[in-house]
Amino acid sequence: MNNGISLFDLLVLDIETVPQFEGFSHLNIQWKSLWIDKNSKIVPENITPDESYEQRAGILAEFGKIICISTGYFFEDEQKNICFKIKSFYGDDEKELLNSFVAICNKFYQRNRNFQFSGHNIKEFDIPYICRRMLINQIPLPEYLQIHGAKPWEIKMLDTLQWWRFGDYKNYISLNLLASVLDVPTSKTDIDGSMVQHVYYKEKNLQRIVEYCQKDIIVVANVILRFKNLPILKDELIGVV
C-alpha cells in the first residue's frame, strides 16, 4: 500500500449479505444437493445442512445475495476540512441495487480515472462478491471491475486489511480489532455481521442493517486517516445522502 494515495481518489465501500433464502428447507432439490456438495469437505459431520446453510450461505456468492452496499468519499469543504459523504444502495431487489451502485461508480470513473475502491478485506470478499453477483444477475462488468486474471499489482484497491499486514500474509485482523488498536471509535454498538441475517429475515428491519453498514464505512474512513497520520472525522463533517 502506498501512503501517497490521495484520499480524494478513494471510494470507500462495504457490503452486507444474507443467504438467498431464509433457510435450507426453502431450496429446491437441485440446490439442496449443490449446497451439500459445496460444503461436504469443509463442514464437520455433526453439522446439519440446515445449520451450515444458516452459518455460511450468506458469505458465499453462489448461495447468498447483497442487500446493502454503502459507499463514501472524502472531499474538502471551503475551510479545507476533510469531510466524508455517504450514499447507500439497499433493498430486496439485488439487481436494481447493483445497477444503482454501478451507476455511481461510473460517474466516479468518468470524473477521475485514478479512482479506486477502498475498504476492509475488499480484495478477498466485497469486490469478488460484487463481481460474482453481477454476473449472476447478468449485469456487464465495467472496465474497472474486470479484474479476473489480473496480477495483484494491477488491481487498484486500497484494502486496510492488506495495508495492516505489511507483507505478512498470515495475518488477519477484523475491522473491529483494527479500529480498537488504532483508537478509532467502533461501529459495533448495535449489531454485528453475525446478526445481519436475523435482522433481515426475522426482524425484517433493513434500515437497521443500512445504518450498521454506514457506520462500518465511517470506521474504515477513520482507519485510513489514522494510517495517514491525519485526525479522524468529526461527526459534523460526515454527511449521508
C-alpha atoms as a PDB file:
ATOM      1  CA  MET A   1       0.000   0.000   0.000  1.00  0.00           C
ATOM      2  CA  ASN A   2       1.243   3.419  -0.949  1.00  0.00           C
ATOM      3  CA  ASN A   3       0.840   6.062   1.707  1.00  0.00           C
ATOM      4  CA  GLY A   4       0.901   8.588  -1.134  1.00  0.00           C
ATOM      5  CA  ILE A   5      -2.543   7.534  -2.401  1.00  0.00           C
ATOM      6  CA  SER A   6      -4.830  10.567  -2.449  1.00  0.00           C
ATOM      7  CA  LEU A   7      -7.845  10.423  -0.165  1.00  0.00           C
ATOM      8  CA  PHE A   8      -9.830  12.079  -2.942  1.00  0.00           C
ATOM      9  CA  ASP A   9      -9.270   9.150  -5.317  1.00  0.00           C
ATOM     10  CA  LEU A  10     -10.972   6.694  -2.956  1.00  0.00           C
ATOM     11  CA  LEU A  11     -14.483   5.291  -2.994  1.00  0.00           C
ATOM     12  CA  VAL A  12     -14.872   3.554   0.361  1.00  0.00           C
ATOM     13  CA  LEU A  13     -17.352   0.675   0.384  1.00  0.00           C
ATOM     14  CA  ASP A  14     -18.795  -2.095   2.493  1.00  0.00           C
ATOM     15  CA  ILE A  15     -21.437  -4.700   1.674  1.00  0.00           C
ATOM     16  CA  GLU A  16     -23.943  -6.641   3.743  1.00  0.00           C
ATOM     17  CA  THR A  17     -25.023 -10.066   2.530  1.00  0.00           C
ATOM     18  CA  VAL A  18     -27.536 -12.735   3.515  1.00  0.00           C
ATOM     19  CA  PRO A  19     -28.499 -16.184   2.219  1.00  0.00           C
ATOM     20  CA  GLN A  20     -30.762 -16.005  -0.833  1.00  0.00           C
ATOM     21  CA  PHE A  21     -33.406 -17.922   1.107  1.00  0.00           C
ATOM     22  CA  GLU A  22     -34.278 -17.793   4.780  1.00  0.00           C
ATOM     23  CA  GLY A  23     -33.397 -21.436   5.388  1.00  0.00           C
ATOM     24  CA  PHE A  24     -32.091 -24.611   3.777  1.00  0.00           C
ATOM     25  CA  SER A  25     -35.641 -26.021   3.610  1.00  0.00           C
ATOM     26  CA  HIS A  26     -36.579 -23.280   1.123  1.00  0.00           C
ATOM     27  CA  LEU A  27     -34.121 -24.598  -1.504  1.00  0.00           C
ATOM     28  CA  ASN A  28     -35.327 -26.926  -4.236  1.00  0.00           C
ATOM     29  CA  ILE A  29     -33.840 -30.428  -4.549  1.00  0.00           C
ATOM     30  CA  GLN A  30     -31.159 -29.399  -7.028  1.00  0.00           C
ATOM     31  CA  TRP A  31     -29.902 -26.537  -4.882  1.00  0.00           C
ATOM     32  CA  LYS A  32     -30.002 -28.621  -1.713  1.00  0.00           C
ATOM     33  CA  SER A  33     -27.737 -31.121  -3.459  1.00  0.00           C
ATOM     34  CA  LEU A  34     -25.438 -28.338  -4.697  1.00  0.00           C
ATOM     35  CA  TRP A  35     -25.205 -26.925  -1.162  1.00  0.00           C
ATOM     36  CA  ILE A  36     -24.331 -30.297   0.383  1.00  0.00           C
ATOM     37  CA  ASP A  37     -21.737 -30.941  -2.328  1.00  0.00           C
ATOM     38  CA  LYS A  38     -20.174 -27.497  -1.842  1.00  0.00           C
ATOM     39  CA  ASN A  39     -19.822 -27.913   1.909  1.00  0.00           C
ATOM     40  CA  SER A  40     -19.276 -31.655   2.368  1.00  0.00           C
ATOM     41  CA  LYS A  41     -15.479 -31.366   2.629  1.00  0.00           C
ATOM     42  CA  ILE A  42     -15.291 -28.357   4.918  1.00  0.00           C
ATOM     43  CA  VAL A  43     -18.211 -28.668   7.337  1.00  0.00           C
ATOM     44  CA  PRO A  44     -17.878 -31.055  10.332  1.00  0.00           C
ATOM     45  CA  GLU A  45     -20.035 -34.165  10.083  1.00  0.00           C
ATOM     46  CA  ASN A  46     -22.058 -33.242  13.167  1.00  0.00           C
ATOM     47  CA  ILE A  47     -23.292 -30.021  11.490  1.00  0.00           C
ATOM     48  CA  THR A  48     -26.570 -30.468   9.598  1.00  0.00           C
ATOM     49  CA  PRO A  49     -27.190 -28.845   6.179  1.00  0.00           C
ATOM     50  CA  ASP A  50     -29.728 -26.542   7.850  1.00  0.00           C
ATOM     51  CA  GLU A  51     -27.093 -25.362  10.328  1.00  0.00           C
ATOM     52  CA  SER A  52     -24.330 -24.969   7.761  1.00  0.00           C
ATOM     53  CA  TYR A  53     -26.655 -23.041   5.434  1.00  0.00           C
ATOM     54  CA  GLU A  54     -27.556 -20.635   8.213  1.00  0.00           C
ATOM     55  CA  GLN A  55     -23.892 -20.179   9.138  1.00  0.00           C
ATOM     56  CA  ARG A  56     -22.294 -19.927   5.690  1.00  0.00           C
ATOM     57  CA  ALA A  57     -24.743 -19.294   2.843  1.00  0.00           C
ATOM     58  CA  GLY A  58     -24.613 -15.531   3.204  1.00  0.00           C
ATOM     59  CA  ILE A  59     -20.847 -15.339   2.673  1.00  0.00           C
ATOM     60  CA  LEU A  60     -20.871 -17.482  -0.479  1.00  0.00           C
ATOM     61  CA  ALA A  61     -21.841 -15.546  -3.604  1.00  0.00           C
ATOM     62  CA  GLU A  62     -23.310 -18.665  -5.231  1.00  0.00           C
ATOM     63  CA  PHE A  63     -25.859 -19.021  -2.414  1.00  0.00           C
ATOM     64  CA  GLY A  64     -26.112 -15.522  -0.958  1.00  0.00           C
ATOM     65  CA  LYS A  65     -27.178 -12.078  -2.097  1.00  0.00           C
ATOM     66  CA  ILE A  66     -26.279  -8.468  -1.408  1.00  0.00           C
ATOM     67  CA  ILE A  67     -28.866  -6.427   0.462  1.00  0.00           C
ATOM     68  CA  CYS A  68     -26.819  -3.258   1.071  1.00  0.00           C
ATOM     69  CA  ILE A  69     -23.793  -1.510  -0.406  1.00  0.00           C
ATOM     70  CA  SER A  70     -22.681   1.612   1.424  1.00  0.00           C
ATOM     71  CA  THR A  71     -20.217   3.953  -0.262  1.00  0.00           C
ATOM     72  CA  GLY A  72     -18.412   7.047   0.886  1.00  0.00           C
ATOM     73  CA  TYR A  73     -15.880   9.533  -0.411  1.00  0.00           C
ATOM     74  CA  PHE A  74     -13.608  12.219   1.003  1.00  0.00           C
ATOM     75  CA  PHE A  75     -13.741  15.870  -0.026  1.00  0.00           C
ATOM     76  CA  GLU A  76     -12.662  19.254   1.312  1.00  0.00           C
ATOM     77  CA  ASP A  77     -15.066  21.962   2.406  1.00  0.00           C
ATOM     78  CA  GLU A  78     -14.444  25.691   1.975  1.00  0.00           C
ATOM     79  CA  GLN A  79     -12.400  25.740   5.189  1.00  0.00           C
ATOM     80  CA  LYS A  80     -10.194  22.896   3.875  1.00  0.00           C
ATOM     81  CA  ASN A  81     -11.590  20.441   6.402  1.00  0.00           C
ATOM     82  CA  ILE A  82     -11.564  16.810   5.259  1.00  0.00           C
ATOM     83  CA  CYS A  83     -15.199  15.725   5.020  1.00  0.00           C
ATOM     84  CA  PHE A  84     -16.883  12.437   4.188  1.00  0.00           C
ATOM     85  CA  LYS A  85     -20.131  11.861   2.306  1.00  0.00           C
ATOM     86  CA  ILE A  86     -22.055   8.566   2.378  1.00  0.00           C
ATOM     87  CA  LYS A  87     -24.569   7.058  -0.023  1.00  0.00           C
ATOM     88  CA  SER A  88     -26.115   3.606   0.398  1.00  0.00           C
ATOM     89  CA  PHE A  89     -27.851   1.297  -2.052  1.00  0.00           C
ATOM     90  CA  TYR A  90     -30.151  -1.257  -0.477  1.00  0.00           C
ATOM     91  CA  GLY A  91     -33.283  -3.307  -0.936  1.00  0.00           C
ATOM     92  CA  ASP A  92     -34.658  -6.754  -1.647  1.00  0.00           C
ATOM     93  CA  ASP A  93     -34.114  -6.405  -5.428  1.00  0.00           C
ATOM     94  CA  GLU A  94     -30.413  -7.186  -5.765  1.00  0.00           C
ATOM     95  CA  LYS A  95     -30.235  -6.443  -9.491  1.00  0.00           C
ATOM     96  CA  GLU A  96     -31.663  -2.959  -9.017  1.00  0.00           C
ATOM     97  CA  LEU A  97     -29.266  -2.365  -6.118  1.00  0.00           C
ATOM     98  CA  LEU A  98     -26.246  -3.439  -8.180  1.00  0.00           C
ATOM     99  CA  ASN A  99     -27.260  -1.326 -11.181  1.00  0.00           C
ATOM    100  CA  SER A 100     -27.563   1.739  -8.939  1.00  0.00           C
ATOM    101  CA  PHE A 101     -24.147   1.021  -7.441  1.00  0.00           C
ATOM    102  CA  VAL A 102     -22.539   0.674 -10.881  1.00  0.00           C
ATOM    103  CA  ALA A 103     -24.138   3.935 -11.992  1.00  0.00           C
ATOM    104  CA  ILE A 104     -22.468   5.883  -9.170  1.00  0.00           C
ATOM    105  CA  CYS A 105     -19.145   4.113  -9.792  1.00  0.00           C
ATOM    106  CA  ASN A 106     -19.333   5.037 -13.473  1.00  0.00           C
ATOM    107  CA  LYS A 107     -19.686   8.699 -12.506  1.00  0.00           C
ATOM    108  CA  PHE A 108     -16.569   8.436 -10.328  1.00  0.00           C
ATOM    109  CA  TYR A 109     -14.663   6.680 -13.098  1.00  0.00           C
ATOM    110  CA  GLN A 110     -15.638   9.248 -15.734  1.00  0.00           C
ATOM    111  CA  ARG A 111     -14.620  12.094 -13.445  1.00  0.00           C
ATOM    112  CA  ASN A 112     -11.411  10.507 -12.148  1.00  0.00           C
ATOM    113  CA  ARG A 113      -9.649   7.632 -13.917  1.00  0.00           C
ATOM    114  CA  ASN A 114      -7.420   7.265 -10.825  1.00  0.00           C
ATOM    115  CA  PHE A 115     -10.383   6.397  -8.620  1.00  0.00           C
ATOM    116  CA  GLN A 116     -10.077   3.164  -6.685  1.00  0.00           C
ATOM    117  CA  PHE A 117     -12.168   1.205  -4.244  1.00  0.00           C
ATOM    118  CA  SER A 118     -11.170   1.071  -0.607  1.00  0.00           C
ATOM    119  CA  GLY A 119     -12.439  -0.863   2.371  1.00  0.00           C
ATOM    120  CA  HIS A 120     -11.556  -3.636   4.807  1.00  0.00           C
ATOM    121  CA  ASN A 121     -10.928  -7.054   3.243  1.00  0.00           C
ATOM    122  CA  ILE A 122     -12.492  -5.885  -0.023  1.00  0.00           C
ATOM    123  CA  LYS A 123      -9.894  -7.701  -2.147  1.00  0.00           C
ATOM    124  CA  GLU A 124     -10.861 -11.084  -0.758  1.00  0.00           C
ATOM    125  CA  PHE A 125     -14.547 -10.537  -0.050  1.00  0.00           C
ATOM    126  CA  ASP A 126     -16.540  -7.426  -1.056  1.00  0.00           C
ATOM    127  CA  ILE A 127     -15.254  -6.846  -4.588  1.00  0.00           C
ATOM    128  CA  PRO A 128     -15.180 -10.526  -5.692  1.00  0.00           C
ATOM    129  CA  TYR A 129     -18.670 -10.969  -4.195  1.00  0.00           C
ATOM    130  CA  ILE A 130     -19.995  -7.933  -6.082  1.00  0.00           C
ATOM    131  CA  CYS A 131     -18.458  -9.150  -9.353  1.00  0.00           C
ATOM    132  CA  ARG A 132     -19.911 -12.656  -8.959  1.00  0.00           C
ATOM    133  CA  ARG A 133     -23.364 -11.368  -8.120  1.00  0.00           C
ATOM    134  CA  MET A 134     -23.241  -9.009 -11.110  1.00  0.00           C
ATOM    135  CA  LEU A 135     -22.505 -11.938 -13.409  1.00  0.00           C
ATOM    136  CA  ILE A 136     -25.275 -13.989 -11.815  1.00  0.00           C
ATOM    137  CA  ASN A 137     -27.679 -11.068 -12.356  1.00  0.00           C
ATOM    138  CA  GLN A 138     -26.469 -10.704 -15.968  1.00  0.00           C
ATOM    139  CA  ILE A 139     -25.051  -7.217 -15.405  1.00  0.00           C
ATOM    140  CA  PRO A 140     -21.990  -6.422 -17.578  1.00  0.00           C
ATOM    141  CA  LEU A 141     -18.809  -5.831 -15.603  1.00  0.00           C
ATOM    142  CA  PRO A 142     -17.491  -2.297 -16.196  1.00  0.00           C
ATOM    143  CA  GLU A 143     -13.840  -1.856 -17.102  1.00  0.00           C
ATOM    144  CA  TYR A 144     -12.755  -1.089 -13.548  1.00  0.00           C
ATOM    145  CA  LEU A 145     -14.231  -4.385 -12.287  1.00  0.00           C
ATOM    146  CA  GLN A 146     -12.744  -6.607 -14.980  1.00  0.00           C
ATOM    147  CA  ILE A 147     -10.081  -7.900 -12.628  1.00  0.00           C
ATOM    148  CA  HIS A 148     -10.293 -11.653 -13.292  1.00  0.00           C
ATOM    149  CA  GLY A 149      -6.818 -12.826 -14.274  1.00  0.00           C
ATOM    150  CA  ALA A 150      -5.206  -9.542 -13.241  1.00  0.00           C
ATOM    151  CA  LYS A 151      -1.895  -9.662 -11.372  1.00  0.00           C
ATOM    152  CA  PRO A 152      -2.042  -8.442  -7.758  1.00  0.00           C
ATOM    153  CA  TRP A 153      -0.124  -5.243  -8.530  1.00  0.00           C
ATOM    154  CA  GLU A 154      -2.501  -4.458 -11.388  1.00  0.00           C
ATOM    155  CA  ILE A 155      -5.545  -4.302  -9.120  1.00  0.00           C
ATOM    156  CA  LYS A 156      -6.024  -0.773  -7.839  1.00  0.00           C
ATOM    157  CA  MET A 157      -7.649  -1.040  -4.432  1.00  0.00           C
ATOM    158  CA  LEU A 158      -6.813   0.250  -1.005  1.00  0.00           C
ATOM    159  CA  ASP A 159      -7.573  -2.582   1.383  1.00  0.00           C
ATOM    160  CA  THR A 160      -6.983  -1.722   5.036  1.00  0.00           C
ATOM    161  CA  LEU A 161      -6.544  -5.417   5.869  1.00  0.00           C
ATOM    162  CA  GLN A 162      -3.747  -5.697   3.301  1.00  0.00           C
ATOM    163  CA  TRP A 163      -2.228  -2.430   4.470  1.00  0.00           C
ATOM    164  CA  TRP A 164      -2.102  -3.627   8.083  1.00  0.00           C
ATOM    165  CA  ARG A 165      -0.442  -6.888   7.018  1.00  0.00           C
ATOM    166  CA  PHE A 166       2.710  -5.075   5.830  1.00  0.00           C
ATOM    167  CA  GLY A 167       3.552  -8.133   3.744  1.00  0.00           C
ATOM    168  CA  ASP A 168       2.672 -10.658   6.471  1.00  0.00           C
ATOM    169  CA  TYR A 169       0.038 -12.662   4.595  1.00  0.00           C
ATOM    170  CA  LYS A 170      -0.623 -14.985   7.536  1.00  0.00           C
ATOM    171  CA  ASN A 171      -2.077 -12.099   9.496  1.00  0.00           C
ATOM    172  CA  TYR A 172      -5.815 -11.495   9.632  1.00  0.00           C
ATOM    173  CA  ILE A 173      -7.402  -8.704  11.630  1.00  0.00           C
ATOM    174  CA  SER A 174     -11.063  -7.794  11.910  1.00  0.00           C
ATOM    175  CA  LEU A 175     -12.140  -4.212  11.289  1.00  0.00           C
ATOM    176  CA  ASN A 176     -13.352  -4.029  14.883  1.00  0.00           C
ATOM    177  CA  LEU A 177      -9.956  -5.036  16.283  1.00  0.00           C
ATOM    178  CA  LEU A 178      -8.045  -2.798  13.864  1.00  0.00           C
ATOM    179  CA  ALA A 179     -10.208   0.169  14.812  1.00  0.00           C
ATOM    180  CA  SER A 180      -9.707  -0.591  18.506  1.00  0.00           C
ATOM    181  CA  VAL A 181      -5.912  -0.794  18.315  1.00  0.00           C
ATOM    182  CA  LEU A 182      -5.796   2.464  16.332  1.00  0.00           C
ATOM    183  CA  ASP A 183      -8.137   4.188  18.807  1.00  0.00           C
ATOM    184  CA  VAL A 184     -10.887   4.651  16.240  1.00  0.00           C
ATOM    185  CA  PRO A 185     -14.494   4.583  17.535  1.00  0.00           C
ATOM    186  CA  THR A 186     -16.020   1.220  16.628  1.00  0.00           C
ATOM    187  CA  SER A 187     -19.249   0.557  14.746  1.00  0.00           C
ATOM    188  CA  LYS A 188     -20.185  -2.486  16.848  1.00  0.00           C
ATOM    189  CA  THR A 189     -22.645  -0.620  19.037  1.00  0.00           C
ATOM    190  CA  ASP A 190     -25.914  -2.053  17.735  1.00  0.00           C
ATOM    191  CA  ILE A 191     -25.459  -5.230  15.674  1.00  0.00           C
ATOM    192  CA  ASP A 192     -22.526  -7.109  14.184  1.00  0.00           C
ATOM    193  CA  GLY A 193     -22.100  -9.106  10.994  1.00  0.00           C
ATOM    194  CA  SER A 194     -23.321 -12.342  12.550  1.00  0.00           C
ATOM    195  CA  MET A 195     -26.701 -10.737  13.305  1.00  0.00           C
ATOM    196  CA  VAL A 196     -27.450  -9.317   9.835  1.00  0.00           C
ATOM    197  CA  GLN A 197     -29.260 -12.436   8.631  1.00  0.00           C
ATOM    198  CA  HIS A 198     -31.533 -12.497  11.703  1.00  0.00           C
ATOM    199  CA  VAL A 199     -32.302  -8.779  11.435  1.00  0.00           C
ATOM    200  CA  TYR A 200     -33.141  -9.153   7.738  1.00  0.00           C
ATOM    201  CA  TYR A 201     -35.260 -12.295   7.795  1.00  0.00           C
ATOM    202  CA  LYS A 202     -36.712 -12.324  11.315  1.00  0.00           C
ATOM    203  CA  GLU A 203     -36.941  -8.646  12.281  1.00  0.00           C
ATOM    204  CA  LYS A 204     -37.397  -7.502   8.662  1.00  0.00           C
ATOM    205  CA  ASN A 205     -35.531  -4.326   9.598  1.00  0.00           C
ATOM    206  CA  LEU A 206     -33.396  -3.471   6.589  1.00  0.00           C
ATOM    207  CA  GLN A 207     -32.904   0.115   7.738  1.00  0.00           C
ATOM    208  CA  ARG A 208     -31.099  -1.110  10.853  1.00  0.00           C
ATOM    209  CA  ILE A 209     -28.687  -3.038   8.603  1.00  0.00           C
ATOM    210  CA  VAL A 210     -28.126   0.011   6.383  1.00  0.00           C
ATOM    211  CA  GLU A 211     -27.222   2.127   9.404  1.00  0.00           C
ATOM    212  CA  TYR A 212     -24.798  -0.566  10.582  1.00  0.00           C
ATOM    213  CA  CYS A 213     -23.191  -0.719   7.124  1.00  0.00           C
ATOM    214  CA  GLN A 214     -22.809   3.066   7.048  1.00  0.00           C
ATOM    215  CA  LYS A 215     -21.144   3.010  10.458  1.00  0.00           C
ATOM    216  CA  ASP A 216     -18.655   0.470   9.112  1.00  0.00           C
ATOM    217  CA  ILE A 217     -17.501   2.677   6.246  1.00  0.00           C
ATOM    218  CA  ILE A 218     -17.051   5.592   8.649  1.00  0.00           C
ATOM    219  CA  VAL A 219     -14.783   3.300  10.687  1.00  0.00           C
ATOM    220  CA  VAL A 220     -12.838   2.374   7.523  1.00  0.00           C
ATOM    221  CA  ALA A 221     -12.540   6.050   6.573  1.00  0.00           C
ATOM    222  CA  ASN A 222     -11.132   6.856  10.020  1.00  0.00           C
ATOM    223  CA  VAL A 223      -8.711   3.904   9.851  1.00  0.00           C
ATOM    224  CA  ILE A 224      -7.413   5.263   6.528  1.00  0.00           C
ATOM    225  CA  LEU A 225      -6.958   8.694   8.127  1.00  0.00           C
ATOM    226  CA  ARG A 226      -5.055   7.075  11.016  1.00  0.00           C
ATOM    227  CA  PHE A 227      -2.757   5.308   8.519  1.00  0.00           C
ATOM    228  CA  LYS A 228      -2.033   8.726   7.033  1.00  0.00           C
ATOM    229  CA  ASN A 229      -1.485  10.301  10.464  1.00  0.00           C
ATOM    230  CA  LEU A 230      -4.464  12.599   9.998  1.00  0.00           C
ATOM    231  CA  PRO A 231      -7.192  13.447  12.540  1.00  0.00           C
ATOM    232  CA  ILE A 232     -10.285  11.250  12.405  1.00  0.00           C
ATOM    233  CA  LEU A 233     -13.571  12.674  11.128  1.00  0.00           C
ATOM    234  CA  LYS A 234     -15.697  14.855  13.354  1.00  0.00           C
ATOM    235  CA  ASP A 235     -19.391  13.967  13.310  1.00  0.00           C
ATOM    236  CA  GLU A 236     -20.345  17.322  11.798  1.00  0.00           C
ATOM    237  CA  LEU A 237     -18.069  16.646   8.803  1.00  0.00           C
ATOM    238  CA  ILE A 238     -19.902  13.414   7.887  1.00  0.00           C
ATOM    239  CA  GLY A 239     -22.958  13.614   5.664  1.00  0.00           C
ATOM    240  CA  VAL A 240     -25.434  10.997   4.442  1.00  0.00           C
ATOM    241  CA  VAL A 241     -27.159  11.425   1.088  1.00  0.00           C
END
